[in-house]
C-alpha atoms as a PDB file:
ATOM      1  CA  MET A   1       0.000   0.000   0.000  1.00  0.00           C
ATOM      2  CA  GLN A   2       1.337   3.410  -0.972  1.00  0.00           C
ATOM      3  CA  GLN A   3       1.775   6.122   1.539  1.00  0.00           C
ATOM      4  CA  PHE A   4       1.683   9.790   0.727  1.00  0.00           C
ATOM      5  CA  HIS A   5       3.629  12.316   2.689  1.00  0.00           C
ATOM      6  CA  PHE A   6       2.521  15.911   2.649  1.00  0.00           C
ATOM      7  CA  ARG A   7       4.726  18.683   3.813  1.00  0.00           C
ATOM      8  CA  VAL A   8       2.735  21.506   5.364  1.00  0.00           C
ATOM      9  CA  PHE A   9       4.287  24.928   5.535  1.00  0.00           C
ATOM     10  CA  ARG A  10       3.006  28.244   6.714  1.00  0.00           C
ATOM     11  CA  ILE A  11       3.385  31.543   4.947  1.00  0.00           C
ATOM     12  CA  PRO A  12       3.983  34.404   7.348  1.00  0.00           C
ATOM     13  CA  ARG A  13       1.285  37.028   7.441  1.00  0.00           C
ATOM     14  CA  TRP A  14       3.580  39.811   6.213  1.00  0.00           C
ATOM     15  CA  GLN A  15       4.544  37.778   3.123  1.00  0.00           C
ATOM     16  CA  MET A  16       0.904  37.117   2.333  1.00  0.00           C
ATOM     17  CA  ALA A  17       0.082  40.816   2.745  1.00  0.00           C
ATOM     18  CA  LEU A  18       3.024  41.707   0.506  1.00  0.00           C
ATOM     19  CA  GLY A  19       1.842  39.254  -2.171  1.00  0.00           C
ATOM     20  CA  VAL A  20      -1.722  40.580  -2.090  1.00  0.00           C
ATOM     21  CA  GLY A  21      -0.406  44.143  -2.217  1.00  0.00           C
ATOM     22  CA  LEU A  22       1.757  43.355  -5.254  1.00  0.00           C
ATOM     23  CA  PHE A  23      -1.158  41.645  -6.980  1.00  0.00           C
ATOM     24  CA  LEU A  24      -3.437  44.634  -6.381  1.00  0.00           C
ATOM     25  CA  ALA A  25      -0.736  47.047  -7.571  1.00  0.00           C
ATOM     26  CA  LEU A  26      -0.280  45.062 -10.798  1.00  0.00           C
ATOM     27  CA  LEU A  27      -4.036  44.878 -11.294  1.00  0.00           C
ATOM     28  CA  LEU A  28      -4.353  48.641 -10.801  1.00  0.00           C
ATOM     29  CA  ALA A  29      -1.479  49.261 -13.252  1.00  0.00           C
ATOM     30  CA  LEU A  30      -3.177  47.089 -15.892  1.00  0.00           C
ATOM     31  CA  ILE A  31      -6.483  48.881 -15.394  1.00  0.00           C
ATOM     32  CA  VAL A  32      -4.814  52.280 -15.759  1.00  0.00           C
ATOM     33  CA  LEU A  33      -2.964  51.085 -18.880  1.00  0.00           C
ATOM     34  CA  ALA A  34      -6.147  49.734 -20.476  1.00  0.00           C
ATOM     35  CA  LEU A  35      -8.038  52.928 -19.642  1.00  0.00           C
ATOM     36  CA  GLY A  36      -5.237  55.046 -21.149  1.00  0.00           C
ATOM     37  CA  ILE A  37      -5.236  53.027 -24.364  1.00  0.00           C
ATOM     38  CA  PHE A  38      -9.032  53.268 -24.523  1.00  0.00           C
ATOM     39  CA  LEU A  39      -8.910  57.041 -24.072  1.00  0.00           C
ATOM     40  CA  LEU A  40      -6.342  57.314 -26.870  1.00  0.00           C
ATOM     41  CA  VAL A  41      -8.284  55.124 -29.303  1.00  0.00           C
ATOM     42  CA  LEU A  42     -11.797  56.418 -28.539  1.00  0.00           C
ATOM     43  CA  PRO A  43     -11.424  59.853 -30.213  1.00  0.00           C
ATOM     44  CA  VAL A  44      -9.948  58.260 -33.329  1.00  0.00           C
ATOM     45  CA  LEU A  45     -12.883  55.846 -33.538  1.00  0.00           C
ATOM     46  CA  VAL A  46     -15.380  58.662 -33.052  1.00  0.00           C
ATOM     47  CA  VAL A  47     -13.839  60.757 -35.828  1.00  0.00           C
ATOM     48  CA  MET A  48     -13.640  57.772 -38.195  1.00  0.00           C
ATOM     49  CA  GLY A  49     -17.228  56.840 -37.431  1.00  0.00           C
ATOM     50  CA  ALA A  50     -18.428  60.380 -38.074  1.00  0.00           C
ATOM     51  CA  LEU A  51     -16.535  60.539 -41.385  1.00  0.00           C
ATOM     52  CA  ALA A  52     -17.971  57.185 -42.447  1.00  0.00           C
ATOM     53  CA  TYR A  53     -21.452  58.292 -41.478  1.00  0.00           C
ATOM     54  CA  PHE A  54     -21.301  61.604 -43.331  1.00  0.00           C
ATOM     55  CA  PHE A  55     -19.197  60.703 -46.383  1.00  0.00           C
ATOM     56  CA  GLY A  56     -19.181  56.972 -46.885  1.00  0.00           C
ATOM     57  CA  GLY A  57     -21.438  54.286 -48.179  1.00  0.00           C
ATOM     58  CA  ARG A  58     -24.467  56.287 -49.300  1.00  0.00           C
ATOM     59  CA  SER A  59     -25.285  57.139 -52.896  1.00  0.00           C
ATOM     60  CA  LEU A  60     -27.104  60.260 -54.015  1.00  0.00           C
ATOM     61  CA  LYS A  61     -29.275  58.460 -56.586  1.00  0.00           C
ATOM     62  CA  SER A  62     -33.021  58.833 -56.253  1.00  0.00           C
ATOM     63  CA  ASP A  63     -33.943  55.265 -57.269  1.00  0.00           C
ATOM     64  CA  PRO A  64     -32.518  52.697 -54.820  1.00  0.00           C
ATOM     65  CA  ASN A  65     -33.034  49.860 -57.361  1.00  0.00           C
ATOM     66  CA  GLU A  66     -31.043  51.673 -60.041  1.00  0.00           C
ATOM     67  CA  ASP A  67     -27.708  50.493 -58.712  1.00  0.00           C
ATOM     68  CA  ASP A  68     -28.403  46.940 -57.612  1.00  0.00           C
ATOM     69  CA  ARG A  69     -25.160  45.653 -59.176  1.00  0.00           C
ATOM     70  CA  THR A  70     -26.858  42.731 -60.941  1.00  0.00           C
ATOM     71  CA  ILE A  71     -25.141  41.359 -64.009  1.00  0.00           C
ATOM     72  CA  GLU A  72     -27.520  39.729 -66.467  1.00  0.00           C
ATOM     73  CA  ALA A  73     -26.107  37.217 -68.947  1.00  0.00           C
ATOM     74  CA  ASP A  74     -27.028  34.274 -71.123  1.00  0.00           C
ATOM     75  CA  TYR A  75     -25.236  31.091 -70.300  1.00  0.00           C
ATOM     76  CA  ARG A  76     -25.245  27.449 -71.245  1.00  0.00           C
ATOM     77  CA  VAL A  77     -24.044  24.372 -69.436  1.00  0.00           C
ATOM     78  CA  ILE A  78     -21.285  22.447 -71.181  1.00  0.00           C
ATOM     79  CA  GLU A  79     -20.855  18.827 -70.224  1.00  0.00           C
ATOM     80  CA  GLN A  80     -17.446  17.209 -70.041  1.00  0.00           C
ATOM     81  CA  LYS A  81     -18.427  14.839 -72.877  1.00  0.00           C
ATOM     82  CA  GLN A  82     -18.973  17.799 -75.219  1.00  0.00           C
ATOM     83  CA  LEU A  83     -15.589  19.229 -74.333  1.00  0.00           C
ATOM     84  CA  ASP A  84     -13.901  15.904 -75.007  1.00  0.00           C
ATOM     85  CA  ARG A  85     -15.731  15.507 -78.310  1.00  0.00           C
ATOM     86  CA  ASN A  86     -15.256  19.012 -79.738  1.00  0.00           C
ATOM     87  CA  GLY A  87     -12.007  20.160 -78.222  1.00  0.00           C
ATOM     88  CA  ASP A  88     -13.168  23.773 -78.195  1.00  0.00           C
ATOM     89  CA  VAL A  89     -16.504  25.341 -77.589  1.00  0.00           C
END
């Protein structure tokens, strides 16, 4: 039968407080960094959004169906047998 031995150790209170303090300081630094990046990017996004809203994507044509970008064509289906038989279509 196997026996397991566990070694129990205690962390002093001051070391635990120091670890929690370091963790909170790093967390606060990351929050401040993320907020700073957000505040730098937000005005750029607002200006780009306003430019896209005012100048992009909308046409000045009166009929919305006029520019539906549909290409009409006549086509025929060519079977592989026909290609083998004729050589060119």
